[in-house]
């Protein structure tokens, strides 16, 4: 809530929105990797550039990440399939430590 705001709208040019974006509604593995790896540098979302750092959330369990992403993918007007802990586990296994 602190970063992406209570309504998922983010903060202009700093924190991208979670509302109906390709990142939220698109490839689940890419979204999972963002939570596991964090993100640094510029990113274009819905035609706007954002450049604030998102810290890694890899300390969360697979089940917790699946729950957070399922919530985001089905809140703020979004409607998308659930993210399972199995999908998170599979994606986590592909990340080099």
N, C-alpha and C. Protein backbone atom coordinates (compact mmCIF):
# COMPACT_ATOMS: atom_id res chain seq x y z
N UNK A 1 0.82 -1.19 0.00
CA UNK A 1 0.00 0.00 0.00
C UNK A 1 0.86 1.26 0.00
N UNK A 2 2.00 1.19 0.66
CA UNK A 2 2.85 2.37 0.75
C UNK A 2 3.36 2.78 -0.64
N UNK A 3 3.75 1.83 -1.44
CA UNK A 3 4.33 2.16 -2.74
C UNK A 3 3.28 2.30 -3.84
N UNK A 4 2.52 1.25 -4.07
CA UNK A 4 1.56 1.24 -5.18
C UNK A 4 0.23 1.88 -4.80
N UNK A 5 0.10 2.33 -3.56
CA UNK A 5 -1.08 3.01 -3.04
C UNK A 5 -2.24 2.04 -2.80
N UNK A 6 -3.16 2.44 -1.97
CA UNK A 6 -4.31 1.63 -1.59
C UNK A 6 -5.16 1.25 -2.80
N UNK A 7 -5.25 2.18 -3.75
CA UNK A 7 -6.08 1.93 -4.94
C UNK A 7 -5.32 1.31 -6.10
N UNK A 8 -4.02 1.02 -5.92
CA UNK A 8 -3.21 0.40 -6.96
C UNK A 8 -2.77 1.37 -8.05
N UNK A 9 -2.99 2.67 -7.87
CA UNK A 9 -2.69 3.65 -8.91
C UNK A 9 -1.21 4.04 -8.98
N UNK A 10 -0.42 3.67 -7.97
CA UNK A 10 1.00 4.02 -7.98
C UNK A 10 1.22 5.51 -7.78
N UNK A 11 2.40 5.98 -8.17
CA UNK A 11 2.75 7.40 -8.07
C UNK A 11 3.39 7.81 -9.40
N UNK A 12 2.84 8.78 -10.05
CA UNK A 12 3.26 9.20 -11.39
C UNK A 12 4.78 9.29 -11.53
N UNK A 13 5.30 8.59 -12.52
CA UNK A 13 6.72 8.56 -12.89
C UNK A 13 7.64 8.02 -11.81
N UNK A 14 7.08 7.48 -10.73
CA UNK A 14 7.90 6.88 -9.68
C UNK A 14 7.54 5.42 -9.47
N UNK A 15 6.29 5.16 -9.13
CA UNK A 15 5.81 3.80 -8.83
C UNK A 15 4.72 3.46 -9.85
N UNK A 16 4.91 2.41 -10.65
CA UNK A 16 3.90 2.10 -11.67
C UNK A 16 2.59 1.61 -11.06
N UNK A 17 1.51 1.81 -11.80
CA UNK A 17 0.21 1.34 -11.33
C UNK A 17 0.10 -0.18 -11.43
N UNK A 18 -0.82 -0.72 -10.67
CA UNK A 18 -1.14 -2.16 -10.74
C UNK A 18 -2.46 -2.38 -11.47
N UNK A 19 -3.02 -1.31 -11.99
CA UNK A 19 -4.35 -1.34 -12.61
C UNK A 19 -4.24 -1.65 -14.10
N UNK A 20 -4.76 -2.81 -14.49
CA UNK A 20 -4.87 -3.20 -15.90
C UNK A 20 -3.60 -2.94 -16.70
N UNK A 21 -2.48 -3.43 -16.21
CA UNK A 21 -1.22 -3.31 -16.94
C UNK A 21 -0.81 -4.68 -17.47
N UNK A 22 0.01 -4.68 -18.53
CA UNK A 22 0.51 -5.94 -19.07
C UNK A 22 1.33 -6.69 -18.04
N UNK A 23 2.04 -5.96 -17.18
CA UNK A 23 2.86 -6.62 -16.17
C UNK A 23 2.02 -7.40 -15.18
N UNK A 24 0.87 -6.87 -14.81
CA UNK A 24 0.00 -7.53 -13.84
C UNK A 24 -0.84 -8.62 -14.51
N UNK A 25 -1.39 -8.31 -15.66
CA UNK A 25 -2.33 -9.23 -16.31
C UNK A 25 -1.67 -10.19 -17.28
N UNK A 26 -0.42 -9.95 -17.63
CA UNK A 26 0.27 -10.76 -18.63
C UNK A 26 0.95 -11.99 -18.06
N UNK A 27 2.15 -12.22 -18.54
CA UNK A 27 2.95 -13.40 -18.21
C UNK A 27 3.18 -13.52 -16.70
N UNK A 28 2.64 -14.58 -16.11
CA UNK A 28 2.77 -14.76 -14.66
C UNK A 28 4.22 -14.96 -14.23
N UNK A 29 5.01 -15.69 -15.02
CA UNK A 29 6.40 -15.92 -14.65
C UNK A 29 7.17 -14.61 -14.58
N UNK A 30 6.90 -13.69 -15.49
CA UNK A 30 7.56 -12.38 -15.47
C UNK A 30 7.18 -11.61 -14.20
N UNK A 31 5.90 -11.66 -13.84
CA UNK A 31 5.43 -10.99 -12.64
C UNK A 31 6.05 -11.60 -11.38
N UNK A 32 6.13 -12.91 -11.35
CA UNK A 32 6.76 -13.60 -10.21
C UNK A 32 8.22 -13.19 -10.10
N UNK A 33 8.92 -13.12 -11.23
CA UNK A 33 10.34 -12.73 -11.22
C UNK A 33 10.52 -11.32 -10.68
N UNK A 34 9.59 -10.43 -10.97
CA UNK A 34 9.69 -9.06 -10.44
C UNK A 34 9.65 -9.10 -8.91
N UNK A 35 8.76 -9.90 -8.34
CA UNK A 35 8.71 -9.99 -6.89
C UNK A 35 9.96 -10.66 -6.32
N UNK A 36 10.43 -11.69 -6.98
CA UNK A 36 11.59 -12.41 -6.47
C UNK A 36 12.89 -11.63 -6.63
N UNK A 37 13.07 -10.96 -7.76
CA UNK A 37 14.32 -10.26 -8.06
C UNK A 37 14.30 -8.79 -7.69
N UNK A 38 13.11 -8.23 -7.55
CA UNK A 38 13.01 -6.79 -7.44
C UNK A 38 13.20 -6.18 -8.81
N UNK A 39 13.26 -4.87 -8.86
CA UNK A 39 13.42 -4.19 -10.14
C UNK A 39 14.11 -2.86 -9.91
N UNK A 40 15.04 -2.55 -10.81
CA UNK A 40 15.77 -1.29 -10.71
C UNK A 40 15.94 -0.72 -12.10
N UNK A 41 15.78 0.57 -12.25
CA UNK A 41 15.92 1.19 -13.56
C UNK A 41 14.57 1.58 -14.12
N UNK A 42 14.59 2.04 -15.35
CA UNK A 42 13.35 2.52 -15.97
C UNK A 42 12.50 1.38 -16.51
N UNK A 43 11.20 1.58 -16.42
CA UNK A 43 10.24 0.63 -16.95
C UNK A 43 9.08 1.44 -17.55
N UNK A 44 8.60 0.99 -18.69
CA UNK A 44 7.47 1.66 -19.33
C UNK A 44 6.21 0.85 -19.04
N UNK A 45 5.22 1.51 -18.46
CA UNK A 45 3.96 0.87 -18.10
C UNK A 45 2.82 1.74 -18.59
N UNK A 46 1.95 1.16 -19.38
CA UNK A 46 0.79 1.88 -19.93
C UNK A 46 1.20 3.21 -20.57
N UNK A 47 2.36 3.20 -21.26
CA UNK A 47 2.81 4.38 -21.98
C UNK A 47 3.59 5.40 -21.18
N UNK A 48 3.71 5.20 -19.87
CA UNK A 48 4.45 6.13 -19.02
C UNK A 48 5.71 5.48 -18.48
N UNK A 49 6.76 6.28 -18.28
CA UNK A 49 8.02 5.78 -17.74
C UNK A 49 8.04 5.92 -16.21
N UNK A 50 8.59 4.90 -15.56
CA UNK A 50 8.74 4.88 -14.10
C UNK A 50 10.17 4.49 -13.80
N UNK A 51 10.72 5.01 -12.70
CA UNK A 51 12.14 4.74 -12.46
C UNK A 51 12.50 4.55 -10.99
N UNK A 52 11.58 4.13 -10.17
CA UNK A 52 11.90 3.90 -8.77
C UNK A 52 12.24 2.43 -8.56
N UNK A 53 13.06 2.15 -7.57
CA UNK A 53 13.47 0.78 -7.30
C UNK A 53 12.36 0.03 -6.55
N UNK A 54 12.18 -1.24 -6.94
CA UNK A 54 11.31 -2.13 -6.18
C UNK A 54 12.21 -3.19 -5.55
N UNK A 55 12.22 -3.29 -4.24
CA UNK A 55 13.09 -4.28 -3.60
C UNK A 55 12.58 -5.70 -3.81
N UNK A 56 13.49 -6.63 -3.77
CA UNK A 56 13.15 -8.05 -3.86
C UNK A 56 12.25 -8.45 -2.69
N UNK A 57 11.33 -9.33 -2.98
CA UNK A 57 10.46 -9.89 -1.94
C UNK A 57 10.71 -11.40 -1.81
N UNK A 58 11.92 -11.83 -2.18
CA UNK A 58 12.26 -13.26 -2.19
C UNK A 58 12.19 -13.91 -0.82
N UNK A 59 12.17 -13.10 0.24
CA UNK A 59 12.07 -13.65 1.59
C UNK A 59 10.68 -14.24 1.86
N UNK A 60 9.69 -13.87 1.04
CA UNK A 60 8.34 -14.42 1.20
C UNK A 60 8.32 -15.87 0.72
N UNK A 61 7.44 -16.68 1.29
CA UNK A 61 7.30 -18.06 0.85
C UNK A 61 6.60 -18.10 -0.51
N UNK A 62 6.69 -19.23 -1.18
CA UNK A 62 6.00 -19.40 -2.46
C UNK A 62 4.50 -19.17 -2.29
N UNK A 63 3.96 -19.67 -1.21
CA UNK A 63 2.52 -19.51 -0.94
C UNK A 63 2.16 -18.03 -0.73
N UNK A 64 3.00 -17.30 -0.01
CA UNK A 64 2.74 -15.87 0.22
C UNK A 64 2.81 -15.07 -1.07
N UNK A 65 3.82 -15.34 -1.91
CA UNK A 65 3.94 -14.64 -3.18
C UNK A 65 2.75 -14.95 -4.07
N UNK A 66 2.34 -16.22 -4.10
CA UNK A 66 1.17 -16.60 -4.91
C UNK A 66 -0.07 -15.86 -4.43
N UNK A 67 -0.24 -15.73 -3.13
CA UNK A 67 -1.41 -15.04 -2.58
C UNK A 67 -1.39 -13.55 -2.93
N UNK A 68 -0.24 -12.91 -2.78
CA UNK A 68 -0.12 -11.48 -3.10
C UNK A 68 -0.42 -11.24 -4.57
N UNK A 69 0.19 -12.04 -5.44
CA UNK A 69 0.00 -11.82 -6.88
C UNK A 69 -1.42 -12.16 -7.33
N UNK A 70 -2.01 -13.17 -6.73
CA UNK A 70 -3.41 -13.48 -7.05
C UNK A 70 -4.30 -12.33 -6.63
N UNK A 71 -4.02 -11.75 -5.47
CA UNK A 71 -4.79 -10.58 -5.01
C UNK A 71 -4.65 -9.42 -6.00
N UNK A 72 -3.42 -9.10 -6.37
CA UNK A 72 -3.19 -7.97 -7.28
C UNK A 72 -3.84 -8.23 -8.63
N UNK A 73 -3.76 -9.47 -9.12
CA UNK A 73 -4.34 -9.80 -10.44
C UNK A 73 -5.86 -9.82 -10.42
N UNK A 74 -6.47 -9.73 -9.23
CA UNK A 74 -7.93 -9.75 -9.13
C UNK A 74 -8.47 -8.61 -8.27
N UNK A 75 -7.72 -7.53 -8.19
CA UNK A 75 -8.13 -6.33 -7.47
C UNK A 75 -7.95 -5.13 -8.38
N UNK A 76 -8.42 -3.98 -7.96
CA UNK A 76 -8.23 -2.72 -8.70
C UNK A 76 -8.88 -2.78 -10.09
N UNK A 77 -9.91 -3.59 -10.25
CA UNK A 77 -10.56 -3.74 -11.54
C UNK A 77 -9.94 -4.80 -12.42
N UNK A 78 -8.89 -5.46 -11.93
CA UNK A 78 -8.23 -6.52 -12.69
C UNK A 78 -9.01 -7.82 -12.57
N UNK A 79 -8.97 -8.62 -13.60
CA UNK A 79 -9.53 -9.97 -13.60
C UNK A 79 -8.57 -10.88 -14.34
N UNK A 80 -7.86 -11.72 -13.60
CA UNK A 80 -6.89 -12.63 -14.22
C UNK A 80 -6.82 -13.91 -13.41
N UNK A 81 -6.23 -14.92 -14.01
CA UNK A 81 -6.13 -16.22 -13.35
C UNK A 81 -5.25 -16.14 -12.10
N UNK A 82 -5.45 -17.09 -11.21
CA UNK A 82 -4.69 -17.13 -9.97
C UNK A 82 -3.23 -17.50 -10.25
N UNK A 83 -2.37 -17.15 -9.32
CA UNK A 83 -0.98 -17.57 -9.33
C UNK A 83 -0.86 -18.64 -8.26
N UNK A 84 -0.31 -19.78 -8.61
CA UNK A 84 -0.20 -20.88 -7.65
C UNK A 84 1.19 -20.91 -7.02
N UNK A 85 1.28 -21.52 -5.86
CA UNK A 85 2.58 -21.66 -5.21
C UNK A 85 3.50 -22.54 -6.05
N UNK A 86 2.93 -23.47 -6.81
CA UNK A 86 3.73 -24.31 -7.72
C UNK A 86 4.38 -23.48 -8.82
N UNK A 87 3.65 -22.49 -9.34
CA UNK A 87 4.21 -21.60 -10.36
C UNK A 87 5.34 -20.76 -9.78
N UNK A 88 5.15 -20.30 -8.56
CA UNK A 88 6.20 -19.51 -7.91
C UNK A 88 7.43 -20.39 -7.67
N UNK A 89 7.22 -21.60 -7.18
CA UNK A 89 8.33 -22.52 -6.91
C UNK A 89 9.11 -22.81 -8.20
N UNK A 90 8.39 -23.05 -9.29
CA UNK A 90 9.03 -23.34 -10.58
C UNK A 90 9.85 -22.14 -11.05
N UNK A 91 9.29 -20.95 -10.93
CA UNK A 91 10.00 -19.74 -11.36
C UNK A 91 11.19 -19.47 -10.47
N UNK A 92 11.01 -19.64 -9.16
CA UNK A 92 12.11 -19.41 -8.21
C UNK A 92 13.30 -20.33 -8.54
N UNK A 93 13.02 -21.55 -8.96
CA UNK A 93 14.07 -22.52 -9.27
C UNK A 93 14.90 -22.10 -10.48
N UNK A 94 14.37 -21.23 -11.34
CA UNK A 94 15.10 -20.79 -12.53
C UNK A 94 16.01 -19.60 -12.26
N UNK A 95 15.91 -19.02 -11.07
CA UNK A 95 16.68 -17.81 -10.75
C UNK A 95 18.03 -18.21 -10.15
N UNK A 96 19.09 -17.67 -10.74
CA UNK A 96 20.44 -17.95 -10.24
C UNK A 96 20.69 -17.18 -8.95
N UNK A 97 21.32 -17.83 -8.02
CA UNK A 97 21.59 -17.19 -6.73
C UNK A 97 22.99 -16.63 -6.70
